[in-house]
N, C-alpha and C. Protein backbone atom coordinates (compact mmCIF):
# COMPACT_ATOMS: atom_id res chain seq x y z
N MET A 1 -38.08 58.56 -64.74
CA MET A 1 -39.45 58.58 -63.80
C MET A 1 -38.24 59.51 -62.62
N GLU A 2 -38.97 60.57 -62.39
CA GLU A 2 -38.83 61.15 -61.02
C GLU A 2 -39.09 60.45 -59.96
N VAL A 3 -38.51 60.24 -59.14
CA VAL A 3 -38.55 60.01 -57.72
C VAL A 3 -40.08 60.16 -57.03
N ARG A 4 -40.11 62.04 -57.62
CA ARG A 4 -41.77 62.18 -57.07
C ARG A 4 -42.21 61.66 -58.17
N GLN A 5 -42.26 61.51 -59.07
CA GLN A 5 -43.39 60.88 -59.53
C GLN A 5 -43.63 58.94 -59.00
N LEU A 6 -42.59 58.28 -59.12
CA LEU A 6 -42.31 57.18 -58.23
C LEU A 6 -43.57 56.90 -56.50
N ALA A 7 -43.28 57.95 -55.94
CA ALA A 7 -43.51 57.61 -54.83
C ALA A 7 -45.20 58.69 -54.95
N SER A 8 -45.86 59.21 -56.05
CA SER A 8 -46.67 59.67 -55.94
C SER A 8 -48.10 58.29 -56.51
N VAL A 9 -47.86 56.97 -56.03
CA VAL A 9 -48.55 56.13 -56.82
C VAL A 9 -48.82 55.56 -55.22
N PRO A 10 -50.62 55.18 -55.46
CA PRO A 10 -51.04 55.06 -54.42
C PRO A 10 -51.05 53.91 -53.77
N TRP A 11 -50.73 53.70 -52.19
CA TRP A 11 -50.82 52.27 -51.71
C TRP A 11 -51.79 51.92 -51.79
N LYS A 12 -52.43 50.66 -52.40
CA LYS A 12 -53.34 49.43 -52.80
C LYS A 12 -54.20 49.38 -50.93
N GLN A 13 -54.80 49.27 -50.63
CA GLN A 13 -55.29 48.52 -49.57
C GLN A 13 -54.84 47.43 -48.88
N GLU A 14 -54.99 46.27 -49.99
CA GLU A 14 -53.91 45.33 -49.47
C GLU A 14 -52.84 45.70 -48.73
N GLN A 15 -52.09 46.42 -49.30
CA GLN A 15 -50.72 46.90 -49.09
C GLN A 15 -50.60 47.64 -47.69
N ARG A 16 -51.70 48.50 -47.48
CA ARG A 16 -51.92 48.74 -46.27
C ARG A 16 -52.54 47.96 -45.21
N VAL A 17 -53.23 46.99 -45.23
CA VAL A 17 -53.84 45.46 -44.20
C VAL A 17 -52.48 45.24 -43.23
N LEU A 18 -51.80 44.84 -44.71
CA LEU A 18 -50.70 43.77 -44.29
C LEU A 18 -49.96 44.82 -43.60
N VAL A 19 -49.48 45.81 -44.11
CA VAL A 19 -48.42 46.86 -42.74
C VAL A 19 -49.16 47.06 -41.76
N GLU A 20 -50.21 47.12 -41.74
CA GLU A 20 -50.37 47.17 -40.28
C GLU A 20 -50.47 46.04 -39.58
N GLN A 21 -50.82 45.20 -39.75
CA GLN A 21 -50.84 43.41 -39.35
C GLN A 21 -49.03 42.99 -38.91
N ILE A 22 -48.34 43.43 -39.74
CA ILE A 22 -47.35 43.18 -39.12
C ILE A 22 -46.92 44.05 -38.47
N VAL A 23 -46.86 45.02 -38.37
CA VAL A 23 -46.76 46.58 -37.50
C VAL A 23 -46.78 46.20 -36.44
N SER A 24 -48.64 45.53 -35.67
CA SER A 24 -49.24 45.29 -35.40
C SER A 24 -48.60 44.20 -34.22
N LEU A 25 -47.75 43.05 -34.90
CA LEU A 25 -47.24 42.09 -33.99
C LEU A 25 -45.42 42.70 -33.98
N CYS A 26 -45.67 43.65 -33.51
CA CYS A 26 -44.07 44.32 -32.86
C CYS A 26 -44.43 44.50 -31.91
N SER A 27 -43.63 44.86 -30.82
CA SER A 27 -44.30 45.35 -29.22
C SER A 27 -42.98 46.12 -29.12
N PHE A 28 -42.43 46.60 -28.03
CA PHE A 28 -41.40 47.12 -27.42
C PHE A 28 -42.41 47.49 -25.31
N GLU A 29 -41.90 47.10 -24.68
CA GLU A 29 -42.28 46.95 -23.55
C GLU A 29 -42.54 48.64 -23.50
N GLY A 30 -43.32 49.64 -22.61
CA GLY A 30 -44.02 50.47 -22.03
C GLY A 30 -44.33 51.60 -23.82
N HIS A 31 -43.68 50.61 -24.86
CA HIS A 31 -44.53 51.66 -25.83
C HIS A 31 -44.57 50.96 -27.05
N SER A 32 -45.56 51.96 -27.75
CA SER A 32 -46.25 51.61 -28.74
C SER A 32 -45.68 51.52 -30.18
N PHE A 33 -46.03 51.04 -31.60
CA PHE A 33 -45.30 51.44 -32.92
C PHE A 33 -47.02 52.31 -33.32
N GLU A 34 -46.92 53.14 -34.12
CA GLU A 34 -47.83 54.50 -34.09
C GLU A 34 -47.33 54.14 -36.44
N LEU A 35 -48.22 54.12 -37.37
CA LEU A 35 -48.85 54.29 -38.40
C LEU A 35 -49.25 55.51 -38.50
N THR A 36 -49.04 56.35 -39.43
CA THR A 36 -49.46 57.50 -40.84
C THR A 36 -49.16 57.47 -41.60
N TRP A 37 -50.39 57.80 -42.06
CA TRP A 37 -50.61 57.18 -43.74
C TRP A 37 -51.01 59.06 -44.24
N LEU A 38 -50.40 59.77 -45.35
CA LEU A 38 -50.55 60.70 -45.75
C LEU A 38 -51.26 60.68 -46.58
N THR A 39 -52.58 61.69 -47.19
CA THR A 39 -53.04 61.71 -48.11
C THR A 39 -52.27 62.46 -49.27
N ARG A 40 -52.65 63.19 -50.84
CA ARG A 40 -52.39 63.22 -51.60
C ARG A 40 -51.76 64.71 -50.80
N GLU A 41 -52.95 65.52 -50.46
CA GLU A 41 -52.91 66.47 -49.92
C GLU A 41 -51.80 67.04 -48.36
N GLU A 42 -51.69 65.78 -47.62
CA GLU A 42 -50.87 66.15 -46.63
C GLU A 42 -49.22 66.17 -47.24
N ALA A 43 -48.91 65.64 -48.38
CA ALA A 43 -47.96 64.87 -48.59
C ALA A 43 -47.54 65.99 -49.71
N ASP A 44 -48.10 66.82 -50.63
CA ASP A 44 -47.82 67.17 -50.95
C ASP A 44 -47.39 67.29 -52.19
N TYR A 45 -48.09 66.44 -53.11
CA TYR A 45 -47.40 66.53 -54.48
C TYR A 45 -48.01 67.28 -55.68
N THR A 46 -47.08 67.54 -56.14
CA THR A 46 -48.16 68.03 -57.70
C THR A 46 -47.71 66.88 -58.73
N THR A 47 -47.24 66.46 -58.54
CA THR A 47 -48.11 65.50 -59.83
C THR A 47 -48.31 64.47 -60.37
N PHE A 48 -49.13 64.49 -58.84
CA PHE A 48 -50.15 63.37 -58.49
C PHE A 48 -51.58 63.72 -59.82
N THR A 49 -52.08 62.36 -60.47
CA THR A 49 -52.49 62.48 -61.37
C THR A 49 -53.68 61.49 -60.84
N HIS A 50 -54.32 61.05 -60.32
CA HIS A 50 -55.63 60.66 -60.10
C HIS A 50 -56.56 61.95 -59.79
N PRO A 51 -57.71 61.20 -59.70
CA PRO A 51 -58.70 62.26 -59.61
C PRO A 51 -59.25 63.15 -58.08
N ILE A 52 -59.10 64.08 -58.48
CA ILE A 52 -59.62 64.44 -56.72
C ILE A 52 -60.21 64.44 -56.55
N ASN A 53 -61.15 64.05 -56.44
CA ASN A 53 -62.56 63.05 -56.06
C ASN A 53 -62.53 61.94 -54.35
N ARG A 54 -60.95 61.15 -54.46
CA ARG A 54 -60.80 60.98 -53.84
C ARG A 54 -59.77 60.09 -52.78
N THR A 55 -59.70 59.95 -52.14
CA THR A 55 -58.28 59.92 -51.10
C THR A 55 -57.61 58.45 -51.03
N TYR A 56 -56.20 59.03 -51.41
CA TYR A 56 -55.02 58.33 -51.63
C TYR A 56 -54.59 58.32 -50.30
N PHE A 57 -53.19 57.60 -50.39
CA PHE A 57 -52.51 57.65 -49.90
C PHE A 57 -51.14 57.50 -50.16
N LEU A 58 -50.67 58.37 -49.33
CA LEU A 58 -48.83 58.72 -51.04
C LEU A 58 -47.81 58.08 -50.09
N GLU A 59 -47.47 57.96 -49.03
CA GLU A 59 -47.31 57.94 -47.45
C GLU A 59 -46.78 57.07 -46.50
N CYS A 60 -46.22 56.75 -46.06
CA CYS A 60 -46.01 56.42 -44.87
C CYS A 60 -45.01 55.91 -43.98
N TYR A 61 -45.79 55.88 -42.42
CA TYR A 61 -44.20 56.72 -41.56
C TYR A 61 -44.58 55.63 -40.36
N ILE A 62 -43.44 55.29 -39.55
CA ILE A 62 -43.97 54.39 -38.35
C ILE A 62 -43.11 55.04 -37.06
N GLN A 63 -43.32 55.75 -36.44
CA GLN A 63 -42.95 56.62 -34.70
C GLN A 63 -42.90 55.55 -33.59
N LEU A 64 -42.06 55.42 -32.80
CA LEU A 64 -42.46 54.79 -31.67
C LEU A 64 -43.01 55.57 -30.48
N VAL A 65 -44.01 55.34 -29.68
CA VAL A 65 -44.96 56.03 -29.10
C VAL A 65 -44.54 55.90 -27.24
N ALA A 66 -44.12 56.64 -26.73
CA ALA A 66 -44.18 56.99 -25.25
C ALA A 66 -45.07 57.19 -24.56
N PRO A 67 -46.64 57.07 -24.35
CA PRO A 67 -47.94 56.89 -23.55
C PRO A 67 -47.68 57.64 -22.10
N LYS A 68 -46.16 56.60 -21.51
CA LYS A 68 -45.80 57.40 -20.15
C LYS A 68 -44.84 57.16 -20.01
N GLY A 69 -44.11 59.05 -20.44
CA GLY A 69 -42.58 59.45 -21.04
C GLY A 69 -42.11 60.11 -19.82
N LYS A 70 -41.34 60.41 -19.60
CA LYS A 70 -41.13 61.68 -18.61
C LYS A 70 -39.64 62.93 -18.81
N CYS A 71 -40.19 63.93 -18.93
CA CYS A 71 -39.73 65.16 -19.41
C CYS A 71 -38.21 64.79 -18.48
N ARG A 72 -37.01 64.79 -19.67
CA ARG A 72 -35.97 64.78 -18.74
C ARG A 72 -34.69 66.13 -17.51
N ASP A 73 -35.98 67.45 -17.92
CA ASP A 73 -35.72 68.69 -16.95
C ASP A 73 -36.34 68.60 -16.21
N THR A 74 -37.42 67.47 -16.08
CA THR A 74 -38.96 68.25 -15.30
C THR A 74 -38.81 67.44 -14.18
N GLY A 75 -39.22 65.67 -14.96
CA GLY A 75 -38.94 65.08 -14.23
C GLY A 75 -40.64 65.01 -14.61
N GLU A 76 -41.56 65.78 -14.58
CA GLU A 76 -43.19 65.99 -15.14
C GLU A 76 -43.32 64.78 -16.39
N PRO A 77 -44.50 63.95 -16.14
CA PRO A 77 -45.40 62.92 -17.20
C PRO A 77 -44.80 63.99 -18.80
N TRP A 78 -44.19 63.24 -19.31
CA TRP A 78 -44.60 63.47 -20.71
C TRP A 78 -44.15 62.04 -21.58
N ALA A 79 -45.66 62.90 -23.12
CA ALA A 79 -45.53 61.67 -24.03
C ALA A 79 -44.61 62.09 -24.55
N TRP A 80 -43.93 61.13 -25.76
CA TRP A 80 -43.48 61.53 -26.51
C TRP A 80 -43.43 60.91 -27.94
N ARG A 81 -42.49 61.18 -28.90
CA ARG A 81 -43.20 59.87 -30.11
C ARG A 81 -41.15 59.90 -30.52
N SER A 82 -40.65 58.86 -31.05
CA SER A 82 -40.06 59.24 -31.86
C SER A 82 -39.44 59.62 -32.78
N ARG A 83 -38.42 59.95 -34.12
CA ARG A 83 -38.52 61.10 -35.16
C ARG A 83 -39.54 59.69 -36.24
N LYS A 84 -39.54 59.95 -37.53
CA LYS A 84 -40.26 59.23 -38.09
C LYS A 84 -39.72 58.34 -39.35
N TRP A 85 -39.93 56.77 -39.55
CA TRP A 85 -38.37 55.83 -39.83
C TRP A 85 -39.83 55.79 -41.05
N ARG A 86 -39.63 56.60 -42.51
CA ARG A 86 -40.32 55.84 -43.91
C ARG A 86 -40.33 54.25 -43.78
N ILE A 87 -42.38 54.29 -43.99
CA ILE A 87 -42.54 52.69 -44.86
C ILE A 87 -43.01 52.03 -46.55
N SER A 88 -41.69 51.83 -47.08
CA SER A 88 -42.14 51.78 -48.20
C SER A 88 -43.18 51.36 -49.16
N LYS A 89 -43.60 51.02 -50.40
CA LYS A 89 -44.55 50.21 -50.22
C LYS A 89 -43.86 48.32 -50.76
N ASN A 90 -42.26 48.84 -50.81
CA ASN A 90 -41.71 48.16 -51.30
C ASN A 90 -40.88 46.82 -50.34
N MET A 91 -41.27 47.68 -49.12
CA MET A 91 -40.65 46.62 -48.10
C MET A 91 -41.51 45.20 -48.19
N THR A 92 -40.31 44.33 -47.84
CA THR A 92 -40.51 42.84 -47.34
C THR A 92 -41.25 43.08 -45.64
N GLU A 93 -41.87 41.50 -45.49
CA GLU A 93 -42.63 41.66 -43.73
C GLU A 93 -40.58 42.23 -42.99
N SER A 94 -39.82 40.75 -43.31
CA SER A 94 -38.82 41.46 -42.67
C SER A 94 -37.88 42.74 -42.59
N GLU A 95 -37.91 43.24 -43.73
CA GLU A 95 -37.94 44.95 -43.96
C GLU A 95 -38.42 46.20 -42.81
N ILE A 96 -40.13 45.68 -42.41
CA ILE A 96 -41.15 46.63 -41.97
C ILE A 96 -40.71 45.95 -40.52
N VAL A 97 -40.44 44.52 -39.66
CA VAL A 97 -40.08 44.34 -38.85
C VAL A 97 -39.18 44.80 -38.22
N ARG A 98 -38.14 44.75 -38.70
CA ARG A 98 -36.80 45.54 -39.12
C ARG A 98 -36.16 47.31 -38.59
N THR A 99 -37.79 47.16 -39.32
CA THR A 99 -37.57 49.06 -39.31
C THR A 99 -37.87 49.48 -37.98
N CYS A 100 -38.94 48.91 -37.18
CA CYS A 100 -39.82 48.92 -36.17
C CYS A 100 -38.38 48.36 -35.07
N TRP A 101 -37.63 47.58 -35.10
CA TRP A 101 -36.63 47.27 -34.51
C TRP A 101 -35.41 48.78 -34.10
N LEU A 102 -35.47 48.76 -35.61
CA LEU A 102 -34.34 50.36 -35.78
C LEU A 102 -35.03 51.11 -34.79
N CYS A 103 -36.48 51.61 -35.41
CA CYS A 103 -37.25 52.58 -34.75
C CYS A 103 -36.74 53.10 -32.91
N ALA A 104 -37.00 51.68 -31.65
CA ALA A 104 -36.92 51.33 -30.92
C ALA A 104 -36.05 51.86 -30.48
N GLU A 105 -34.70 51.29 -30.60
CA GLU A 105 -33.24 51.17 -31.18
C GLU A 105 -32.92 52.19 -31.16
N VAL A 106 -33.08 53.39 -32.19
CA VAL A 106 -32.60 55.03 -32.19
C VAL A 106 -33.43 55.34 -30.83
N ALA A 107 -34.36 55.44 -30.92
CA ALA A 107 -34.99 55.76 -29.42
C ALA A 107 -34.93 55.69 -27.86
N MET A 108 -34.23 54.48 -27.83
CA MET A 108 -33.62 54.25 -26.74
C MET A 108 -32.17 55.00 -26.46
N LYS A 109 -31.46 54.80 -27.68
CA LYS A 109 -30.08 55.46 -27.72
C LYS A 109 -30.59 57.11 -27.58
N HIS A 110 -31.53 57.62 -27.96
CA HIS A 110 -31.52 58.75 -27.82
C HIS A 110 -31.97 59.59 -26.51
N GLU A 111 -32.48 58.16 -25.36
CA GLU A 111 -33.28 58.80 -23.76
C GLU A 111 -31.77 58.35 -23.21
N HIS A 112 -30.63 57.16 -23.56
CA HIS A 112 -29.51 57.40 -23.25
C HIS A 112 -29.11 58.53 -22.88
N MET A 113 -28.41 58.82 -23.81
CA MET A 113 -27.87 60.33 -24.64
C MET A 113 -27.88 61.62 -23.81
N GLU A 114 -29.40 61.64 -23.05
CA GLU A 114 -30.53 62.57 -22.39
C GLU A 114 -30.20 62.35 -21.14
N SER A 115 -29.83 60.98 -21.26
CA SER A 115 -29.62 61.09 -18.80
C SER A 115 -28.33 60.28 -18.65
N PHE A 116 -26.88 60.24 -19.66
CA PHE A 116 -26.01 60.46 -19.04
C PHE A 116 -25.71 61.80 -19.03
N LEU A 117 -25.14 62.26 -17.91
CA LEU A 117 -24.30 63.28 -17.42
C LEU A 117 -22.94 63.01 -16.79
N TYR A 118 -21.50 64.08 -17.51
CA TYR A 118 -20.62 64.25 -16.82
C TYR A 118 -20.12 65.78 -15.96
N ASN A 119 -20.64 65.49 -15.01
CA ASN A 119 -20.54 66.81 -13.88
C ASN A 119 -21.82 67.42 -14.11
N GLY A 120 -22.85 66.34 -13.52
CA GLY A 120 -24.22 67.77 -14.27
C GLY A 120 -24.35 68.18 -15.38
N ALA A 121 -23.82 67.41 -16.26
CA ALA A 121 -23.76 68.36 -17.63
C ALA A 121 -23.88 67.06 -18.42
N ARG A 122 -25.28 67.47 -19.75
CA ARG A 122 -25.76 65.99 -20.07
C ARG A 122 -25.25 66.30 -21.86
N ILE A 123 -23.79 66.26 -21.83
CA ILE A 123 -22.44 66.10 -22.71
C ILE A 123 -23.08 65.76 -24.31
N PHE A 124 -23.97 64.36 -24.49
CA PHE A 124 -24.32 64.03 -25.40
C PHE A 124 -25.48 64.11 -26.28
N ASP A 125 -26.39 65.11 -25.38
CA ASP A 125 -27.71 65.81 -25.62
C ASP A 125 -27.64 65.45 -27.13
N PRO A 126 -28.43 65.23 -27.70
CA PRO A 126 -29.36 65.09 -29.17
C PRO A 126 -29.70 65.94 -29.03
N HIS A 127 -30.00 66.94 -29.21
CA HIS A 127 -30.46 68.06 -29.33
C HIS A 127 -30.32 69.62 -29.14
N VAL A 128 -28.81 68.97 -29.42
CA VAL A 128 -27.90 70.15 -29.59
C VAL A 128 -27.61 70.02 -31.24
N GLY A 129 -27.65 71.01 -31.67
CA GLY A 129 -27.97 71.20 -33.20
C GLY A 129 -26.55 70.97 -33.67
N VAL A 130 -26.85 70.94 -35.34
CA VAL A 130 -25.39 70.54 -36.10
C VAL A 130 -23.96 71.93 -35.85
N VAL A 131 -24.68 72.70 -35.90
CA VAL A 131 -23.94 73.84 -36.02
C VAL A 131 -23.39 74.49 -34.79
N ALA A 132 -24.03 73.65 -33.72
CA ALA A 132 -23.24 74.36 -32.39
C ALA A 132 -22.12 73.14 -32.25
N LEU A 133 -22.44 71.26 -32.30
CA LEU A 133 -22.02 70.59 -33.09
C LEU A 133 -20.76 70.62 -33.56
N GLN A 134 -21.22 71.38 -34.82
CA GLN A 134 -19.55 72.32 -35.18
C GLN A 134 -18.74 72.59 -35.52
N ARG A 135 -19.16 73.56 -34.37
CA ARG A 135 -18.68 74.70 -33.47
C ARG A 135 -17.60 74.18 -32.08
N ALA A 136 -18.22 73.30 -31.80
CA ALA A 136 -17.40 72.63 -30.39
C ALA A 136 -15.85 71.41 -31.39
N SER A 137 -16.36 70.41 -32.41
CA SER A 137 -15.48 70.38 -33.38
C SER A 137 -14.38 71.15 -33.61
N LEU A 138 -14.58 72.47 -33.88
CA LEU A 138 -13.73 73.09 -34.15
C LEU A 138 -11.98 73.42 -33.53
N PRO A 139 -11.05 73.10 -34.30
CA PRO A 139 -9.16 73.19 -33.34
C PRO A 139 -9.43 73.54 -32.04
N ALA A 140 -9.69 74.50 -32.15
CA ALA A 140 -9.42 75.71 -30.95
C ALA A 140 -10.19 74.92 -29.45
N ASN A 141 -11.16 73.86 -30.20
CA ASN A 141 -12.40 73.23 -28.75
C ASN A 141 -12.05 71.52 -28.71
N ARG A 142 -11.26 71.62 -29.53
CA ARG A 142 -10.34 70.11 -29.07
C ARG A 142 -9.86 69.66 -28.02
N ASP A 143 -9.90 68.12 -27.39
CA ASP A 143 -8.75 68.56 -26.21
C ASP A 143 -6.79 68.41 -27.05
N ASP A 144 -6.56 69.20 -25.78
CA ASP A 144 -5.25 68.61 -26.24
C ASP A 144 -4.60 68.63 -25.18
N ARG A 145 -3.89 67.59 -25.58
CA ARG A 145 -3.12 67.39 -23.63
C ARG A 145 -1.98 68.03 -23.55
N GLU A 146 -1.18 67.80 -24.30
CA GLU A 146 0.49 68.65 -24.39
C GLU A 146 -0.51 69.98 -23.79
N LYS A 147 -1.52 70.85 -24.85
CA LYS A 147 -1.38 72.55 -23.99
C LYS A 147 -2.15 72.79 -22.85
N ASN A 148 -2.94 71.41 -22.17
CA ASN A 148 -3.82 71.16 -21.48
C ASN A 148 -3.83 70.26 -20.51
N PRO A 149 -3.10 70.55 -19.43
CA PRO A 149 -3.02 69.34 -18.20
C PRO A 149 -4.24 68.65 -17.56
N MET A 150 -5.23 69.66 -17.10
CA MET A 150 -6.24 69.38 -17.21
C MET A 150 -6.52 67.91 -17.60
N GLU A 151 -6.39 68.11 -18.86
CA GLU A 151 -7.64 66.93 -19.72
C GLU A 151 -6.52 65.63 -19.53
N GLU A 152 -5.19 65.76 -19.21
CA GLU A 152 -4.42 64.18 -18.87
C GLU A 152 -5.27 63.11 -18.30
N SER A 153 -4.69 62.01 -18.14
CA SER A 153 -5.71 60.86 -17.62
C SER A 153 -5.52 60.92 -16.43
N ILE A 154 -6.15 60.94 -15.56
CA ILE A 154 -6.69 61.22 -14.21
C ILE A 154 -6.51 59.96 -13.83
N VAL A 155 -6.41 58.20 -14.66
CA VAL A 155 -5.81 57.07 -14.35
C VAL A 155 -4.35 56.83 -14.73
N GLN A 156 -3.56 56.83 -13.62
CA GLN A 156 -1.57 56.30 -13.33
C GLN A 156 -1.46 54.42 -13.37
N ASN A 157 -0.72 54.15 -13.90
CA ASN A 157 -0.57 52.79 -12.89
C ASN A 157 -2.02 52.32 -12.29
N GLY A 158 -2.86 52.32 -12.81
CA GLY A 158 -4.51 51.64 -13.07
C GLY A 158 -5.09 52.13 -11.86
N GLU A 159 -4.55 53.38 -11.05
CA GLU A 159 -5.50 53.33 -10.22
C GLU A 159 -5.43 55.26 -10.20
N ILE A 160 -7.05 55.52 -9.64
CA ILE A 160 -7.16 57.42 -9.73
C ILE A 160 -6.13 58.36 -9.39
N ALA A 161 -5.41 58.41 -9.85
CA ALA A 161 -4.37 59.63 -9.24
C ALA A 161 -5.17 60.82 -8.28
């Protein structure tokens, strides 16, 4: 059986209620966890075989929401959401709780990467695309202390030079 067909089996109502109860027990200061349930139409499954006239939920994901967040560039209030974390019908309570933890942990790492500056630049900006990162990793752009004396350590004998 294809993965796409396995994913087309709808969630049972009691499974949804249980997941919602488990997630409601998780908290992260100043943030909330939000579940999103996708229907047949939203999930866009072509192998769905249940009657069209009923609503079935096929996919579930969780996001961390920061209603009182702020824009890193302007400092203005800005509510943000984390990336989406899929919740499987087969997950245990522990797996769901740990997924909530990972959701919060990765979101906070993202925020820290945005907040860290070197010489005024956001050098670990998580919004830099993979093509730009790939270009930066080319040999011509790597640190080479023999060719570039400016890259030598500023710490010599335990003191800043």
